[in-house]
Amino acid sequence: MAVTTTEYLSMKFIASSDNSSKIIRLSDPRADITSTDVQNFMNSVVSSNLLYTSKGSVCDKIDSANIIDRSNNELFNLI
């Protein structure tokens, strides 16, 4: 049995035209990343009109960002 841990950065953007959202998740963020780093990156994505929701609306606002730690405890693996 193995325990594995995965860490990722989750960033949520909003399209104000229809209030739809888009989430981007990046694996293994830097250990020294700051909220200012993430906020600056997210603002540059928004100002460049690079991100669209599944409805086709451009994301023009940032909503939130989180560092997520996920542990997986394998009980068994038959293959």
PDB file of N, CA and C in Angstrom:
ATOM      1  N   MET A   1       0.834  -1.181   0.000  1.00  0.00           N
ATOM      2  CA  MET A   1       0.000   0.000   0.000  1.00  0.00           C
ATOM      3  C   MET A   1       0.879   1.245   0.000  1.00  0.00           C
ATOM      4  N   ALA A   2       0.515   2.166  -0.859  1.00  0.00           N
ATOM      5  CA  ALA A   2       1.312   3.382  -0.991  1.00  0.00           C
ATOM      6  C   ALA A   2       0.433   4.612  -0.801  1.00  0.00           C
ATOM      7  N   VAL A   3       1.017   5.587  -0.143  1.00  0.00           N
ATOM      8  CA  VAL A   3       0.356   6.877   0.004  1.00  0.00           C
ATOM      9  C   VAL A   3       1.086   7.863  -0.893  1.00  0.00           C
ATOM     10  N   THR A   4       0.344   8.516  -1.776  1.00  0.00           N
ATOM     11  CA  THR A   4       0.925   9.532  -2.644  1.00  0.00           C
ATOM     12  C   THR A   4       0.241  10.861  -2.363  1.00  0.00           C
ATOM     13  N   THR A   5       1.008  11.925  -2.470  1.00  0.00           N
ATOM     14  CA  THR A   5       0.477  13.267  -2.252  1.00  0.00           C
ATOM     15  C   THR A   5       0.721  14.095  -3.502  1.00  0.00           C
ATOM     16  N   THR A   6      -0.298  14.793  -3.929  1.00  0.00           N
ATOM     17  CA  THR A   6      -0.222  15.670  -5.090  1.00  0.00           C
ATOM     18  C   THR A   6      -0.590  17.075  -4.639  1.00  0.00           C
ATOM     19  N   GLU A   7       0.135  18.057  -5.149  1.00  0.00           N
ATOM     20  CA  GLU A   7      -0.160  19.451  -4.832  1.00  0.00           C
ATOM     21  C   GLU A   7      -0.383  20.197  -6.139  1.00  0.00           C
ATOM     22  N   TYR A   8      -1.395  21.060  -6.162  1.00  0.00           N
ATOM     23  CA  TYR A   8      -1.613  21.878  -7.344  1.00  0.00           C
ATOM     24  C   TYR A   8      -2.195  23.233  -6.971  1.00  0.00           C
ATOM     25  N   LEU A   9      -2.009  24.170  -7.900  1.00  0.00           N
ATOM     26  CA  LEU A   9      -2.539  25.523  -7.766  1.00  0.00           C
ATOM     27  C   LEU A   9      -3.814  25.593  -8.583  1.00  0.00           C
ATOM     28  N   SER A  10      -4.900  25.976  -7.958  1.00  0.00           N
ATOM     29  CA  SER A  10      -6.194  26.111  -8.619  1.00  0.00           C
ATOM     30  C   SER A  10      -6.551  27.592  -8.693  1.00  0.00           C
ATOM     31  N   MET A  11      -6.829  28.081  -9.911  1.00  0.00           N
ATOM     32  CA  MET A  11      -7.163  29.493 -10.121  1.00  0.00           C
ATOM     33  C   MET A  11      -8.519  29.590 -10.808  1.00  0.00           C
ATOM     34  N   LYS A  12      -9.403  30.388 -10.249  1.00  0.00           N
ATOM     35  CA  LYS A  12     -10.755  30.540 -10.798  1.00  0.00           C
ATOM     36  C   LYS A  12     -10.929  31.931 -11.386  1.00  0.00           C
ATOM     37  N   PHE A  13     -11.397  31.967 -12.627  1.00  0.00           N
ATOM     38  CA  PHE A  13     -11.663  33.201 -13.357  1.00  0.00           C
ATOM     39  C   PHE A  13     -13.154  33.283 -13.647  1.00  0.00           C
ATOM     40  N   ILE A  14     -13.674  34.505 -13.808  1.00  0.00           N
ATOM     41  CA  ILE A  14     -15.100  34.745 -14.051  1.00  0.00           C
ATOM     42  C   ILE A  14     -15.280  35.560 -15.330  1.00  0.00           C
ATOM     43  N   ALA A  15     -16.325  35.218 -16.080  1.00  0.00           N
ATOM     44  CA  ALA A  15     -16.769  36.029 -17.212  1.00  0.00           C
ATOM     45  C   ALA A  15     -17.968  36.843 -16.729  1.00  0.00           C
ATOM     46  N   SER A  16     -17.797  38.141 -16.606  1.00  0.00           N
ATOM     47  CA  SER A  16     -18.866  38.965 -16.036  1.00  0.00           C
ATOM     48  C   SER A  16     -20.087  39.063 -16.955  1.00  0.00           C
ATOM     49  N   SER A  17     -19.917  38.788 -18.237  1.00  0.00           N
ATOM     50  CA  SER A  17     -21.047  38.893 -19.169  1.00  0.00           C
ATOM     51  C   SER A  17     -22.170  37.908 -18.849  1.00  0.00           C
ATOM     52  N   ASP A  18     -21.817  36.716 -18.367  1.00  0.00           N
ATOM     53  CA  ASP A  18     -22.847  35.728 -18.029  1.00  0.00           C
ATOM     54  C   ASP A  18     -22.570  35.021 -16.696  1.00  0.00           C
ATOM     55  N   ASN A  19     -21.591  35.519 -15.962  1.00  0.00           N
ATOM     56  CA  ASN A  19     -21.219  34.986 -14.645  1.00  0.00           C
ATOM     57  C   ASN A  19     -20.756  33.528 -14.692  1.00  0.00           C
ATOM     58  N   SER A  20     -20.308  33.061 -15.859  1.00  0.00           N
ATOM     59  CA  SER A  20     -19.751  31.716 -15.939  1.00  0.00           C
ATOM     60  C   SER A  20     -18.301  31.756 -15.488  1.00  0.00           C
ATOM     61  N   SER A  21     -17.722  30.593 -15.251  1.00  0.00           N
ATOM     62  CA  SER A  21     -16.370  30.566 -14.700  1.00  0.00           C
ATOM     63  C   SER A  21     -15.495  29.538 -15.403  1.00  0.00           C
ATOM     64  N   LYS A  22     -14.209  29.689 -15.190  1.00  0.00           N
ATOM     65  CA  LYS A  22     -13.201  28.763 -15.720  1.00  0.00           C
ATOM     66  C   LYS A  22     -12.166  28.555 -14.635  1.00  0.00           C
ATOM     67  N   ILE A  23     -11.804  27.296 -14.398  1.00  0.00           N
ATOM     68  CA  ILE A  23     -10.779  26.979 -13.413  1.00  0.00           C
ATOM     69  C   ILE A  23      -9.584  26.370 -14.125  1.00  0.00           C
ATOM     70  N   ILE A  24      -8.411  26.865 -13.782  1.00  0.00           N
ATOM     71  CA  ILE A  24      -7.153  26.317 -14.290  1.00  0.00           C
ATOM     72  C   ILE A  24      -6.421  25.709 -13.103  1.00  0.00           C
ATOM     73  N   ARG A  25      -5.936  24.478 -13.284  1.00  0.00           N
ATOM     74  CA  ARG A  25      -5.150  23.823 -12.240  1.00  0.00           C
ATOM     75  C   ARG A  25      -3.768  23.516 -12.779  1.00  0.00           C
ATOM     76  N   LEU A  26      -2.752  23.935 -12.032  1.00  0.00           N
ATOM     77  CA  LEU A  26      -1.363  23.687 -12.400  1.00  0.00           C
ATOM     78  C   LEU A  26      -0.722  22.800 -11.343  1.00  0.00           C
ATOM     79  N   SER A  27      -0.124  21.709 -11.775  1.00  0.00           N
ATOM     80  CA  SER A  27       0.524  20.766 -10.860  1.00  0.00           C
ATOM     81  C   SER A  27       1.839  21.313 -10.330  1.00  0.00           C
ATOM     82  N   ASP A  28       2.163  20.905  -9.130  1.00  0.00           N
ATOM     83  CA  ASP A  28       3.452  21.177  -8.492  1.00  0.00           C
ATOM     84  C   ASP A  28       3.867  22.648  -8.522  1.00  0.00           C
ATOM     85  N   PRO A  29       3.098  23.521  -7.899  1.00  0.00           N
ATOM     86  CA  PRO A  29       3.509  24.933  -7.851  1.00  0.00           C
ATOM     87  C   PRO A  29       4.797  25.090  -7.039  1.00  0.00           C
ATOM     88  N   ARG A  30       5.518  26.140  -7.329  1.00  0.00           N
ATOM     89  CA  ARG A  30       6.746  26.431  -6.574  1.00  0.00           C
ATOM     90  C   ARG A  30       6.440  26.522  -5.085  1.00  0.00           C
ATOM     91  N   ALA A  31       7.367  26.063  -4.284  1.00  0.00           N
ATOM     92  CA  ALA A  31       7.182  26.103  -2.831  1.00  0.00           C
ATOM     93  C   ALA A  31       7.155  27.534  -2.304  1.00  0.00           C
ATOM     94  N   ASP A  32       7.840  28.440  -3.004  1.00  0.00           N
ATOM     95  CA  ASP A  32       7.925  29.824  -2.528  1.00  0.00           C
ATOM     96  C   ASP A  32       6.947  30.769  -3.231  1.00  0.00           C
ATOM     97  N   ILE A  33       5.948  30.243  -3.912  1.00  0.00           N
ATOM     98  CA  ILE A  33       4.994  31.090  -4.629  1.00  0.00           C
ATOM     99  C   ILE A  33       4.173  31.902  -3.626  1.00  0.00           C
ATOM    100  N   THR A  34       3.897  33.152  -3.980  1.00  0.00           N
ATOM    101  CA  THR A  34       3.141  34.032  -3.086  1.00  0.00           C
ATOM    102  C   THR A  34       1.792  34.387  -3.712  1.00  0.00           C
ATOM    103  N   SER A  35       0.906  34.895  -2.906  1.00  0.00           N
ATOM    104  CA  SER A  35      -0.397  35.324  -3.422  1.00  0.00           C
ATOM    105  C   SER A  35      -0.223  36.464  -4.427  1.00  0.00           C
ATOM    106  N   THR A  36       0.777  37.314  -4.218  1.00  0.00           N
ATOM    107  CA  THR A  36       1.049  38.398  -5.164  1.00  0.00           C
ATOM    108  C   THR A  36       1.487  37.846  -6.518  1.00  0.00           C
ATOM    109  N   ASP A  37       2.340  36.819  -6.513  1.00  0.00           N
ATOM    110  CA  ASP A  37       2.761  36.173  -7.774  1.00  0.00           C
ATOM    111  C   ASP A  37       1.550  35.662  -8.544  1.00  0.00           C
ATOM    112  N   VAL A  38       0.690  34.961  -7.846  1.00  0.00           N
ATOM    113  CA  VAL A  38      -0.487  34.361  -8.483  1.00  0.00           C
ATOM    114  C   VAL A  38      -1.446  35.440  -8.961  1.00  0.00           C
ATOM    115  N   GLN A  39      -1.681  36.442  -8.145  1.00  0.00           N
ATOM    116  CA  GLN A  39      -2.592  37.513  -8.526  1.00  0.00           C
ATOM    117  C   GLN A  39      -2.069  38.275  -9.746  1.00  0.00           C
ATOM    118  N   ASN A  40      -0.778  38.543  -9.783  1.00  0.00           N
ATOM    119  CA  ASN A  40      -0.192  39.216 -10.955  1.00  0.00           C
ATOM    120  C   ASN A  40      -0.348  38.377 -12.215  1.00  0.00           C
ATOM    121  N   PHE A  41      -0.106  37.067 -12.093  1.00  0.00           N
ATOM    122  CA  PHE A  41      -0.284  36.177 -13.239  1.00  0.00           C
ATOM    123  C   PHE A  41      -1.735  36.179 -13.712  1.00  0.00           C
ATOM    124  N   MET A  42      -2.655  36.035 -12.770  1.00  0.00           N
ATOM    125  CA  MET A  42      -4.074  35.996 -13.121  1.00  0.00           C
ATOM    126  C   MET A  42      -4.520  37.301 -13.774  1.00  0.00           C
ATOM    127  N   ASN A  43      -4.050  38.434 -13.263  1.00  0.00           N
ATOM    128  CA  ASN A  43      -4.388  39.731 -13.869  1.00  0.00           C
ATOM    129  C   ASN A  43      -3.842  39.839 -15.288  1.00  0.00           C
ATOM    130  N   SER A  44      -2.655  39.298 -15.539  1.00  0.00           N
ATOM    131  CA  SER A  44      -2.104  39.350 -16.900  1.00  0.00           C
ATOM    132  C   SER A  44      -2.902  38.467 -17.855  1.00  0.00           C
ATOM    133  N   VAL A  45      -3.394  37.338 -17.375  1.00  0.00           N
ATOM    134  CA  VAL A  45      -4.246  36.476 -18.208  1.00  0.00           C
ATOM    135  C   VAL A  45      -5.533  37.209 -18.565  1.00  0.00           C
ATOM    136  N   VAL A  46      -6.146  37.841 -17.561  1.00  0.00           N
ATOM    137  CA  VAL A  46      -7.400  38.573 -17.782  1.00  0.00           C
ATOM    138  C   VAL A  46      -7.190  39.748 -18.737  1.00  0.00           C
ATOM    139  N   SER A  47      -6.137  40.513 -18.536  1.00  0.00           N
ATOM    140  CA  SER A  47      -5.916  41.695 -19.372  1.00  0.00           C
ATOM    141  C   SER A  47      -5.548  41.339 -20.811  1.00  0.00           C
ATOM    142  N   SER A  48      -5.074  40.111 -21.024  1.00  0.00           N
ATOM    143  CA  SER A  48      -4.717  39.665 -22.375  1.00  0.00           C
ATOM    144  C   SER A  48      -5.871  38.979 -23.103  1.00  0.00           C
ATOM    145  N   ASN A  49      -7.006  38.817 -22.431  1.00  0.00           N
ATOM    146  CA  ASN A  49      -8.167  38.127 -23.015  1.00  0.00           C
ATOM    147  C   ASN A  49      -7.796  36.740 -23.542  1.00  0.00           C
ATOM    148  N   LEU A  50      -7.034  36.001 -22.768  1.00  0.00           N
ATOM    149  CA  LEU A  50      -6.549  34.690 -23.182  1.00  0.00           C
ATOM    150  C   LEU A  50      -7.468  33.537 -22.812  1.00  0.00           C
ATOM    151  N   LEU A  51      -8.403  33.755 -21.913  1.00  0.00           N
ATOM    152  CA  LEU A  51      -9.149  32.652 -21.340  1.00  0.00           C
ATOM    153  C   LEU A  51     -10.642  32.811 -21.580  1.00  0.00           C
ATOM    154  N   TYR A  52     -11.263  31.717 -22.045  1.00  0.00           N
ATOM    155  CA  TYR A  52     -12.698  31.697 -22.316  1.00  0.00           C
ATOM    156  C   TYR A  52     -13.355  30.564 -21.541  1.00  0.00           C
ATOM    157  N   THR A  53     -14.603  30.753 -21.177  1.00  0.00           N
ATOM    158  CA  THR A  53     -15.365  29.696 -20.508  1.00  0.00           C
ATOM    159  C   THR A  53     -15.862  28.708 -21.556  1.00  0.00           C
ATOM    160  N   SER A  54     -16.446  27.621 -21.098  1.00  0.00           N
ATOM    161  CA  SER A  54     -17.010  26.638 -22.026  1.00  0.00           C
ATOM    162  C   SER A  54     -18.195  27.205 -22.810  1.00  0.00           C
ATOM    163  N   LYS A  55     -18.780  28.306 -22.322  1.00  0.00           N
ATOM    164  CA  LYS A  55     -19.877  28.978 -23.028  1.00  0.00           C
ATOM    165  C   LYS A  55     -19.365  29.959 -24.075  1.00  0.00           C
ATOM    166  N   GLY A  56     -18.040  30.139 -24.160  1.00  0.00           N
ATOM    167  CA  GLY A  56     -17.455  31.048 -25.137  1.00  0.00           C
ATOM    168  C   GLY A  56     -17.297  32.478 -24.656  1.00  0.00           C
ATOM    169  N   SER A  57     -17.539  32.715 -23.393  1.00  0.00           N
ATOM    170  CA  SER A  57     -17.410  34.072 -22.840  1.00  0.00           C
ATOM    171  C   SER A  57     -15.985  34.308 -22.362  1.00  0.00           C
ATOM    172  N   VAL A  58     -15.481  35.513 -22.625  1.00  0.00           N
ATOM    173  CA  VAL A  58     -14.125  35.848 -22.191  1.00  0.00           C
ATOM    174  C   VAL A  58     -14.095  36.085 -20.679  1.00  0.00           C
ATOM    175  N   CYS A  59     -13.102  35.527 -20.022  1.00  0.00           N
ATOM    176  CA  CYS A  59     -12.929  35.733 -18.579  1.00  0.00           C
ATOM    177  C   CYS A  59     -12.287  37.095 -18.369  1.00  0.00           C
ATOM    178  N   ASP A  60     -12.984  37.954 -17.651  1.00  0.00           N
ATOM    179  CA  ASP A  60     -12.490  39.323 -17.463  1.00  0.00           C
ATOM    180  C   ASP A  60     -12.331  39.698 -15.990  1.00  0.00           C
ATOM    181  N   LYS A  61     -12.494  38.730 -15.084  1.00  0.00           N
ATOM    182  CA  LYS A  61     -12.313  38.983 -13.651  1.00  0.00           C
ATOM    183  C   LYS A  61     -11.625  37.775 -13.017  1.00  0.00           C
ATOM    184  N   ILE A  62     -10.826  38.058 -11.993  1.00  0.00           N
ATOM    185  CA  ILE A  62     -10.275  36.956 -11.221  1.00  0.00           C
ATOM    186  C   ILE A  62     -11.149  36.750  -9.994  1.00  0.00           C
ATOM    187  N   ASP A  63     -11.278  35.498  -9.583  1.00  0.00           N
ATOM    188  CA  ASP A  63     -12.136  35.183  -8.444  1.00  0.00           C
ATOM    189  C   ASP A  63     -11.327  34.683  -7.255  1.00  0.00           C
ATOM    190  N   SER A  64     -10.588  33.597  -7.429  1.00  0.00           N
ATOM    191  CA  SER A  64      -9.880  33.024  -6.287  1.00  0.00           C
ATOM    192  C   SER A  64      -8.725  32.152  -6.750  1.00  0.00           C
ATOM    193  N   ALA A  65      -7.857  31.836  -5.799  1.00  0.00           N
ATOM    194  CA  ALA A  65      -6.753  30.918  -6.050  1.00  0.00           C
ATOM    195  C   ALA A  65      -6.484  30.137  -4.771  1.00  0.00           C
ATOM    196  N   ASN A  66      -6.179  28.860  -4.935  1.00  0.00           N
ATOM    197  CA  ASN A  66      -5.920  27.994  -3.790  1.00  0.00           C
ATOM    198  C   ASN A  66      -4.793  27.029  -4.117  1.00  0.00           C
ATOM    199  N   ILE A  67      -4.009  26.704  -3.101  1.00  0.00           N
ATOM    200  CA  ILE A  67      -3.067  25.603  -3.210  1.00  0.00           C
ATOM    201  C   ILE A  67      -3.769  24.396  -2.591  1.00  0.00           C
ATOM    202  N   ILE A  68      -3.916  23.349  -3.373  1.00  0.00           N
ATOM    203  CA  ILE A  68      -4.634  22.160  -2.936  1.00  0.00           C
ATOM    204  C   ILE A  68      -3.629  21.026  -2.717  1.00  0.00           C
ATOM    205  N   ASP A  69      -3.699  20.391  -1.548  1.00  0.00           N
ATOM    206  CA  ASP A  69      -2.920  19.190  -1.248  1.00  0.00           C
ATOM    207  C   ASP A  69      -3.876  18.009  -1.270  1.00  0.00           C
ATOM    208  N   ARG A  70      -3.520  16.997  -2.049  1.00  0.00           N
ATOM    209  CA  ARG A  70      -4.389  15.833  -2.159  1.00  0.00           C
ATOM    210  C   ARG A  70      -3.584  14.582  -1.836  1.00  0.00           C
ATOM    211  N   SER A  71      -4.075  13.800  -0.893  1.00  0.00           N
ATOM    212  CA  SER A  71      -3.437  12.534  -0.538  1.00  0.00           C
ATOM    213  C   SER A  71      -4.271  11.381  -1.056  1.00  0.00           C
ATOM    214  N   ASN A  72      -3.589  10.384  -1.568  1.00  0.00           N
ATOM    215  CA  ASN A  72      -4.242   9.192  -2.073  1.00  0.00           C
ATOM    216  C   ASN A  72      -3.634   7.990  -1.354  1.00  0.00           C
ATOM    217  N   ASN A  73      -4.451   7.263  -0.625  1.00  0.00           N
ATOM    218  CA  ASN A  73      -4.000   6.085   0.112  1.00  0.00           C
ATOM    219  C   ASN A  73      -4.515   4.849  -0.603  1.00  0.00           C
ATOM    220  N   GLU A  74      -3.636   4.204  -1.354  1.00  0.00           N
ATOM    221  CA  GLU A  74      -4.024   3.033  -2.135  1.00  0.00           C
ATOM    222  C   GLU A  74      -4.272   1.852  -1.205  1.00  0.00           C
ATOM    223  N   LEU A  75      -5.459   1.285  -1.274  1.00  0.00           N
ATOM    224  CA  LEU A  75      -5.791   0.122  -0.461  1.00  0.00           C
ATOM    225  C   LEU A  75      -5.296  -1.174  -1.095  1.00  0.00           C
ATOM    226  N   PHE A  76      -5.486  -1.300  -2.411  1.00  0.00           N
ATOM    227  CA  PHE A  76      -4.944  -2.436  -3.129  1.00  0.00           C
ATOM    228  C   PHE A  76      -4.883  -2.129  -4.601  1.00  0.00           C
ATOM    229  N   ASN A  77      -4.063  -2.884  -5.316  1.00  0.00           N
ATOM    230  CA  ASN A  77      -3.906  -2.764  -6.767  1.00  0.00           C
ATOM    231  C   ASN A  77      -3.714  -4.176  -7.298  1.00  0.00           C
ATOM    232  N   LEU A  78      -4.719  -4.709  -7.954  1.00  0.00           N
ATOM    233  CA  LEU A  78      -4.694  -6.097  -8.389  1.00  0.00           C
ATOM    234  C   LEU A  78      -3.902  -6.330  -9.679  1.00  0.00           C
ATOM    235  N   ILE A  79      -3.632  -5.285 -10.409  1.00  0.00           N
ATOM    236  CA  ILE A  79      -2.928  -5.482 -11.688  1.00  0.00           C
ATOM    237  C   ILE A  79      -1.524  -4.938 -11.600  1.00  0.00           C
TER     238      ILE A  79
END
